[in-house]
Amino acid sequence: MSSQELSQETAEPQVQQTVSAGTPSPWPVEAIRAAASGSCRLPERAAAILVVRVGQPHGRARGVWKKDVHFDVAEGYAVFREKCLTKFTEVSTSPDALRRPIQLPENGADMYLKKARNDSQEIYVRLSSENFAATLLHRLSLLTQNDLARLGDFRFEAFLYVERAAAPEQFHRATTQRVENARVQRMA
């Protein structure tokens, strides 16, 4: 094996292959020790908070719905994305979302990840199959000692941007003119 192949092999993020003993925490003790020693490795299972926002990525976005997503890191981005879209379906059928209908954008729904704790919305990273593990590993490497003390509570922050659904055809805004027309019709 050449030195170039070896350096490429070590540069790729590694998924920690541990057998979980049925613990509810997605972060095994080995992940805590590895993060504390500085040799970051992704755990087998992880958790994320899916934040559904109405608006454009890297722009103004309003409305927030949050759902927890648990995933196996080794399954990759495609499975993580599908789990997030399943959670979006739950959000879109909730009573709050039914009052203000939301839908996925026509050009497809991209997932974004907050790489650091204090990142602004403009620098969230769009996830893909190529950068999924590397982005998770980068976020894990930025954990502080306080984060490591409560690592069982740590969750990645994933964002899904949606748009408002079009108003139904029978929906009419109660303008002054419409109210006046309705009054005239009742009198006639």
C-alpha atoms as a PDB file:
ATOM      1  CA  MET A   1       0.000   0.000   0.000  1.00  0.00           C
ATOM      2  CA  SER A   2       1.479   3.338  -1.017  1.00  0.00           C
ATOM      3  CA  SER A   3       1.746   6.280   1.365  1.00  0.00           C
ATOM      4  CA  GLN A   4      -0.815   8.196  -0.717  1.00  0.00           C
ATOM      5  CA  GLU A   5      -3.388   5.408  -0.324  1.00  0.00           C
ATOM      6  CA  LEU A   6      -2.638   5.240   3.385  1.00  0.00           C
ATOM      7  CA  SER A   7      -3.141   8.991   3.839  1.00  0.00           C
ATOM      8  CA  GLN A   8      -6.438   8.863   1.920  1.00  0.00           C
ATOM      9  CA  GLU A   9      -7.559   5.943   4.031  1.00  0.00           C
ATOM     10  CA  THR A  10      -6.827   7.731   7.313  1.00  0.00           C
ATOM     11  CA  ALA A  11      -8.348  11.021   6.098  1.00  0.00           C
ATOM     12  CA  GLU A  12     -11.792   9.466   5.662  1.00  0.00           C
ATOM     13  CA  PRO A  13     -14.031   9.599   8.722  1.00  0.00           C
ATOM     14  CA  GLN A  14     -14.473   6.299  10.454  1.00  0.00           C
ATOM     15  CA  VAL A  15     -17.674   5.044  11.940  1.00  0.00           C
ATOM     16  CA  GLN A  16     -17.158   3.482  15.320  1.00  0.00           C
ATOM     17  CA  GLN A  17     -18.240  -0.150  15.177  1.00  0.00           C
ATOM     18  CA  THR A  18     -19.367  -0.933  18.707  1.00  0.00           C
ATOM     19  CA  VAL A  19     -22.058  -3.278  19.829  1.00  0.00           C
ATOM     20  CA  SER A  20     -24.549  -1.369  21.904  1.00  0.00           C
ATOM     21  CA  ALA A  21     -25.740  -3.148  25.010  1.00  0.00           C
ATOM     22  CA  GLY A  22     -29.268  -1.837  24.692  1.00  0.00           C
ATOM     23  CA  THR A  23     -28.474   1.532  26.253  1.00  0.00           C
ATOM     24  CA  PRO A  24     -30.921   4.305  25.365  1.00  0.00           C
ATOM     25  CA  SER A  25     -28.104   6.827  24.910  1.00  0.00           C
ATOM     26  CA  PRO A  26     -26.837   7.031  21.321  1.00  0.00           C
ATOM     27  CA  TRP A  27     -23.316   7.852  22.549  1.00  0.00           C
ATOM     28  CA  PRO A  28     -21.416   4.865  23.957  1.00  0.00           C
ATOM     29  CA  VAL A  29     -18.688   5.335  26.556  1.00  0.00           C
ATOM     30  CA  GLU A  30     -16.025   4.704  23.902  1.00  0.00           C
ATOM     31  CA  ALA A  31     -17.198   7.782  21.975  1.00  0.00           C
ATOM     32  CA  ILE A  32     -16.888   9.939  25.095  1.00  0.00           C
ATOM     33  CA  ARG A  33     -13.354   8.694  25.733  1.00  0.00           C
ATOM     34  CA  ALA A  34     -12.363   9.199  22.084  1.00  0.00           C
ATOM     35  CA  ALA A  35     -13.755  12.739  21.996  1.00  0.00           C
ATOM     36  CA  ALA A  36     -12.035  13.629  25.278  1.00  0.00           C
ATOM     37  CA  SER A  37      -8.697  12.323  24.020  1.00  0.00           C
ATOM     38  CA  GLY A  38      -9.019  14.255  20.763  1.00  0.00           C
ATOM     39  CA  SER A  39      -9.270  11.240  18.465  1.00  0.00           C
ATOM     40  CA  CYS A  40     -12.779  11.804  17.177  1.00  0.00           C
ATOM     41  CA  ARG A  41     -14.666   8.884  15.760  1.00  0.00           C
ATOM     42  CA  LEU A  42     -18.298   8.845  14.888  1.00  0.00           C
ATOM     43  CA  PRO A  43     -20.484   6.692  17.097  1.00  0.00           C
ATOM     44  CA  GLU A  44     -22.581   3.919  15.649  1.00  0.00           C
ATOM     45  CA  ARG A  45     -25.849   5.654  16.584  1.00  0.00           C
ATOM     46  CA  ALA A  46     -26.554   9.359  16.858  1.00  0.00           C
ATOM     47  CA  ALA A  47     -29.434  11.730  17.417  1.00  0.00           C
ATOM     48  CA  ALA A  48     -30.430  14.946  15.712  1.00  0.00           C
ATOM     49  CA  ILE A  49     -33.008  17.639  16.190  1.00  0.00           C
ATOM     50  CA  LEU A  50     -34.823  18.253  12.925  1.00  0.00           C
ATOM     51  CA  VAL A  51     -35.830  21.903  12.693  1.00  0.00           C
ATOM     52  CA  VAL A  52     -38.466  22.561  10.016  1.00  0.00           C
ATOM     53  CA  ARG A  53     -38.513  26.200   8.931  1.00  0.00           C
ATOM     54  CA  VAL A  54     -40.618  28.070   6.366  1.00  0.00           C
ATOM     55  CA  GLY A  55     -38.478  30.105   3.989  1.00  0.00           C
ATOM     56  CA  GLN A  56     -35.318  29.985   1.950  1.00  0.00           C
ATOM     57  CA  PRO A  57     -32.048  28.423   3.069  1.00  0.00           C
ATOM     58  CA  HIS A  58     -29.385  31.043   3.822  1.00  0.00           C
ATOM     59  CA  GLY A  59     -32.115  33.696   3.950  1.00  0.00           C
ATOM     60  CA  ARG A  60     -35.120  34.711   5.972  1.00  0.00           C
ATOM     61  CA  ALA A  61     -36.951  31.766   7.437  1.00  0.00           C
ATOM     62  CA  ARG A  62     -39.836  31.732   9.886  1.00  0.00           C
ATOM     63  CA  GLY A  63     -41.829  29.229  11.834  1.00  0.00           C
ATOM     64  CA  VAL A  64     -40.164  26.430  13.684  1.00  0.00           C
ATOM     65  CA  TRP A  65     -41.240  22.879  14.309  1.00  0.00           C
ATOM     66  CA  LYS A  66     -38.794  20.521  16.024  1.00  0.00           C
ATOM     67  CA  LYS A  67     -38.655  16.736  15.997  1.00  0.00           C
ATOM     68  CA  ASP A  68     -36.081  14.263  17.322  1.00  0.00           C
ATOM     69  CA  VAL A  69     -34.474  11.919  14.803  1.00  0.00           C
ATOM     70  CA  HIS A  70     -32.394   8.892  15.824  1.00  0.00           C
ATOM     71  CA  PHE A  71     -30.215   7.337  13.140  1.00  0.00           C
ATOM     72  CA  ASP A  72     -27.383   4.907  12.482  1.00  0.00           C
ATOM     73  CA  VAL A  73     -24.413   6.828  11.133  1.00  0.00           C
ATOM     74  CA  ALA A  74     -23.258   3.880   9.007  1.00  0.00           C
ATOM     75  CA  GLU A  75     -26.552   3.889   7.066  1.00  0.00           C
ATOM     76  CA  GLY A  76     -25.567   7.194   5.509  1.00  0.00           C
ATOM     77  CA  TYR A  77     -27.232  10.327   4.269  1.00  0.00           C
ATOM     78  CA  ALA A  78     -30.022   8.734   2.217  1.00  0.00           C
ATOM     79  CA  VAL A  79     -31.514   6.916   5.211  1.00  0.00           C
ATOM     80  CA  PHE A  80     -31.058   9.982   7.457  1.00  0.00           C
ATOM     81  CA  ARG A  81     -32.848  12.142   4.874  1.00  0.00           C
ATOM     82  CA  GLU A  82     -35.751   9.688   4.606  1.00  0.00           C
ATOM     83  CA  LYS A  83     -36.126   9.614   8.387  1.00  0.00           C
ATOM     84  CA  CYS A  84     -36.201  13.418   8.409  1.00  0.00           C
ATOM     85  CA  LEU A  85     -38.820  13.494   5.643  1.00  0.00           C
ATOM     86  CA  THR A  86     -40.924  11.040   7.657  1.00  0.00           C
ATOM     87  CA  LYS A  87     -40.713  13.432  10.601  1.00  0.00           C
ATOM     88  CA  PHE A  88     -41.698  16.273   8.249  1.00  0.00           C
ATOM     89  CA  THR A  89     -44.830  14.318   7.320  1.00  0.00           C
ATOM     90  CA  GLU A  90     -45.684  14.134  11.026  1.00  0.00           C
ATOM     91  CA  VAL A  91     -45.139  17.883  11.339  1.00  0.00           C
ATOM     92  CA  SER A  92     -47.224  18.703   8.258  1.00  0.00           C
ATOM     93  CA  THR A  93     -50.201  16.779   9.653  1.00  0.00           C
ATOM     94  CA  SER A  94     -49.993  18.358  13.111  1.00  0.00           C
ATOM     95  CA  PRO A  95     -52.827  20.710  14.157  1.00  0.00           C
ATOM     96  CA  ASP A  96     -50.520  23.735  14.119  1.00  0.00           C
ATOM     97  CA  ALA A  97     -49.336  23.036  10.575  1.00  0.00           C
ATOM     98  CA  LEU A  98     -52.888  22.388   9.361  1.00  0.00           C
ATOM     99  CA  ARG A  99     -53.817  25.978  10.236  1.00  0.00           C
ATOM    100  CA  ARG A 100     -50.918  27.202   8.101  1.00  0.00           C
ATOM    101  CA  PRO A 101     -50.302  24.431   5.522  1.00  0.00           C
ATOM    102  CA  ILE A 102     -46.697  23.739   4.531  1.00  0.00           C
ATOM    103  CA  GLN A 103     -45.176  21.664   1.753  1.00  0.00           C
ATOM    104  CA  LEU A 104     -41.785  20.624   0.439  1.00  0.00           C
ATOM    105  CA  PRO A 105     -40.315  22.875  -2.268  1.00  0.00           C
ATOM    106  CA  GLU A 106     -40.869  21.772  -5.862  1.00  0.00           C
ATOM    107  CA  ASN A 107     -37.119  21.672  -6.537  1.00  0.00           C
ATOM    108  CA  GLY A 108     -36.624  19.101  -3.775  1.00  0.00           C
ATOM    109  CA  ALA A 109     -35.856  19.270  -0.112  1.00  0.00           C
ATOM    110  CA  ASP A 110     -32.254  19.669   0.928  1.00  0.00           C
ATOM    111  CA  MET A 111     -31.076  19.020   4.457  1.00  0.00           C
ATOM    112  CA  TYR A 112     -28.731  21.458   6.179  1.00  0.00           C
ATOM    113  CA  LEU A 113     -26.556  20.918   9.232  1.00  0.00           C
ATOM    114  CA  LYS A 114     -25.319  23.397  11.781  1.00  0.00           C
ATOM    115  CA  LYS A 115     -21.570  22.693  11.914  1.00  0.00           C
ATOM    116  CA  ALA A 116     -20.818  24.661  15.079  1.00  0.00           C
ATOM    117  CA  ARG A 117     -22.851  25.764  18.065  1.00  0.00           C
ATOM    118  CA  ASN A 118     -22.932  29.467  17.177  1.00  0.00           C
ATOM    119  CA  ASP A 119     -23.140  29.218  13.384  1.00  0.00           C
ATOM    120  CA  SER A 120     -25.464  31.671  11.710  1.00  0.00           C
ATOM    121  CA  GLN A 121     -28.011  30.453   9.189  1.00  0.00           C
ATOM    122  CA  GLU A 122     -25.955  31.747   6.256  1.00  0.00           C
ATOM    123  CA  ILE A 123     -23.186  29.214   6.858  1.00  0.00           C
ATOM    124  CA  TYR A 124     -25.203  26.059   7.472  1.00  0.00           C
ATOM    125  CA  VAL A 125     -23.843  23.209   5.362  1.00  0.00           C
ATOM    126  CA  ARG A 126     -26.036  21.503   2.787  1.00  0.00           C
ATOM    127  CA  LEU A 127     -25.734  17.779   3.385  1.00  0.00           C
ATOM    128  CA  SER A 128     -25.027  15.267   0.658  1.00  0.00           C
ATOM    129  CA  SER A 129     -23.893  11.663   0.470  1.00  0.00           C
ATOM    130  CA  GLU A 130     -20.319  12.848  -0.012  1.00  0.00           C
ATOM    131  CA  ASN A 131     -20.050  15.194   2.971  1.00  0.00           C
ATOM    132  CA  PHE A 132     -22.433  13.575   5.474  1.00  0.00           C
ATOM    133  CA  ALA A 133     -19.924  11.660   7.621  1.00  0.00           C
ATOM    134  CA  ALA A 134     -17.255  14.355   7.327  1.00  0.00           C
ATOM    135  CA  THR A 135     -19.680  17.073   8.457  1.00  0.00           C
ATOM    136  CA  LEU A 136     -20.833  15.001  11.436  1.00  0.00           C
ATOM    137  CA  LEU A 137     -17.215  14.287  12.348  1.00  0.00           C
ATOM    138  CA  HIS A 138     -16.339  17.984  12.115  1.00  0.00           C
ATOM    139  CA  ARG A 139     -19.217  18.919  14.438  1.00  0.00           C
ATOM    140  CA  LEU A 140     -18.191  16.195  16.868  1.00  0.00           C
ATOM    141  CA  SER A 141     -14.606  17.481  16.894  1.00  0.00           C
ATOM    142  CA  LEU A 142     -15.821  20.945  17.982  1.00  0.00           C
ATOM    143  CA  LEU A 143     -17.383  19.725  21.218  1.00  0.00           C
ATOM    144  CA  THR A 144     -16.157  21.591  24.288  1.00  0.00           C
ATOM    145  CA  GLN A 145     -15.433  20.093  27.698  1.00  0.00           C
ATOM    146  CA  ASN A 146     -18.903  21.185  28.850  1.00  0.00           C
ATOM    147  CA  ASP A 147     -20.443  19.394  25.867  1.00  0.00           C
ATOM    148  CA  LEU A 148     -18.421  16.283  26.665  1.00  0.00           C
ATOM    149  CA  ALA A 149     -19.647  16.322  30.263  1.00  0.00           C
ATOM    150  CA  ARG A 150     -23.217  15.863  29.021  1.00  0.00           C
ATOM    151  CA  LEU A 151     -22.499  14.012  25.787  1.00  0.00           C
ATOM    152  CA  GLY A 152     -25.522  11.744  26.193  1.00  0.00           C
ATOM    153  CA  ASP A 153     -27.702  14.814  25.622  1.00  0.00           C
ATOM    154  CA  PHE A 154     -25.832  16.021  22.524  1.00  0.00           C
ATOM    155  CA  ARG A 155     -27.809  16.125  19.272  1.00  0.00           C
ATOM    156  CA  PHE A 156     -26.820  17.329  15.847  1.00  0.00           C
ATOM    157  CA  GLU A 157     -28.998  20.154  14.524  1.00  0.00           C
ATOM    158  CA  ALA A 158     -30.445  19.447  11.083  1.00  0.00           C
ATOM    159  CA  PHE A 159     -32.592  21.940   9.185  1.00  0.00           C
ATOM    160  CA  LEU A 160     -35.255  21.398   6.537  1.00  0.00           C
ATOM    161  CA  TYR A 161     -36.612  24.429   4.693  1.00  0.00           C
ATOM    162  CA  VAL A 162     -40.166  24.247   3.361  1.00  0.00           C
ATOM    163  CA  GLU A 163     -42.657  26.648   1.807  1.00  0.00           C
ATOM    164  CA  ARG A 164     -46.222  27.599   2.525  1.00  0.00           C
ATOM    165  CA  ALA A 165     -48.798  25.613   0.601  1.00  0.00           C
ATOM    166  CA  ALA A 166     -50.990  27.557  -1.800  1.00  0.00           C
ATOM    167  CA  ALA A 167     -54.300  28.669  -0.354  1.00  0.00           C
ATOM    168  CA  PRO A 168     -57.256  26.550  -1.500  1.00  0.00           C
ATOM    169  CA  GLU A 169     -59.421  27.993  -4.289  1.00  0.00           C
ATOM    170  CA  GLN A 170     -62.467  28.368  -2.057  1.00  0.00           C
ATOM    171  CA  PHE A 171     -60.438  30.481   0.393  1.00  0.00           C
ATOM    172  CA  HIS A 172     -61.369  34.171   0.199  1.00  0.00           C
ATOM    173  CA  ARG A 173     -60.011  36.943   2.325  1.00  0.00           C
ATOM    174  CA  ALA A 174     -62.676  39.020   4.074  1.00  0.00           C
ATOM    175  CA  THR A 175     -62.005  42.401   2.517  1.00  0.00           C
ATOM    176  CA  THR A 176     -64.196  45.440   3.010  1.00  0.00           C
ATOM    177  CA  GLN A 177     -65.548  45.100  -0.535  1.00  0.00           C
ATOM    178  CA  ARG A 178     -66.514  41.442  -0.017  1.00  0.00           C
ATOM    179  CA  VAL A 179     -68.257  42.259   3.266  1.00  0.00           C
ATOM    180  CA  GLU A 180     -70.184  45.072   1.566  1.00  0.00           C
ATOM    181  CA  ASN A 181     -71.171  42.798  -1.352  1.00  0.00           C
ATOM    182  CA  ALA A 182     -72.406  40.121   1.063  1.00  0.00           C
ATOM    183  CA  ARG A 183     -74.476  42.715   2.953  1.00  0.00           C
ATOM    184  CA  VAL A 184     -76.051  43.978  -0.288  1.00  0.00           C
ATOM    185  CA  GLN A 185     -76.909  40.409  -1.356  1.00  0.00           C
ATOM    186  CA  ARG A 186     -78.588  39.689   1.980  1.00  0.00           C
ATOM    187  CA  MET A 187     -80.688  42.865   1.712  1.00  0.00           C
ATOM    188  CA  ALA A 188     -81.842  42.069  -1.821  1.00  0.00           C
END
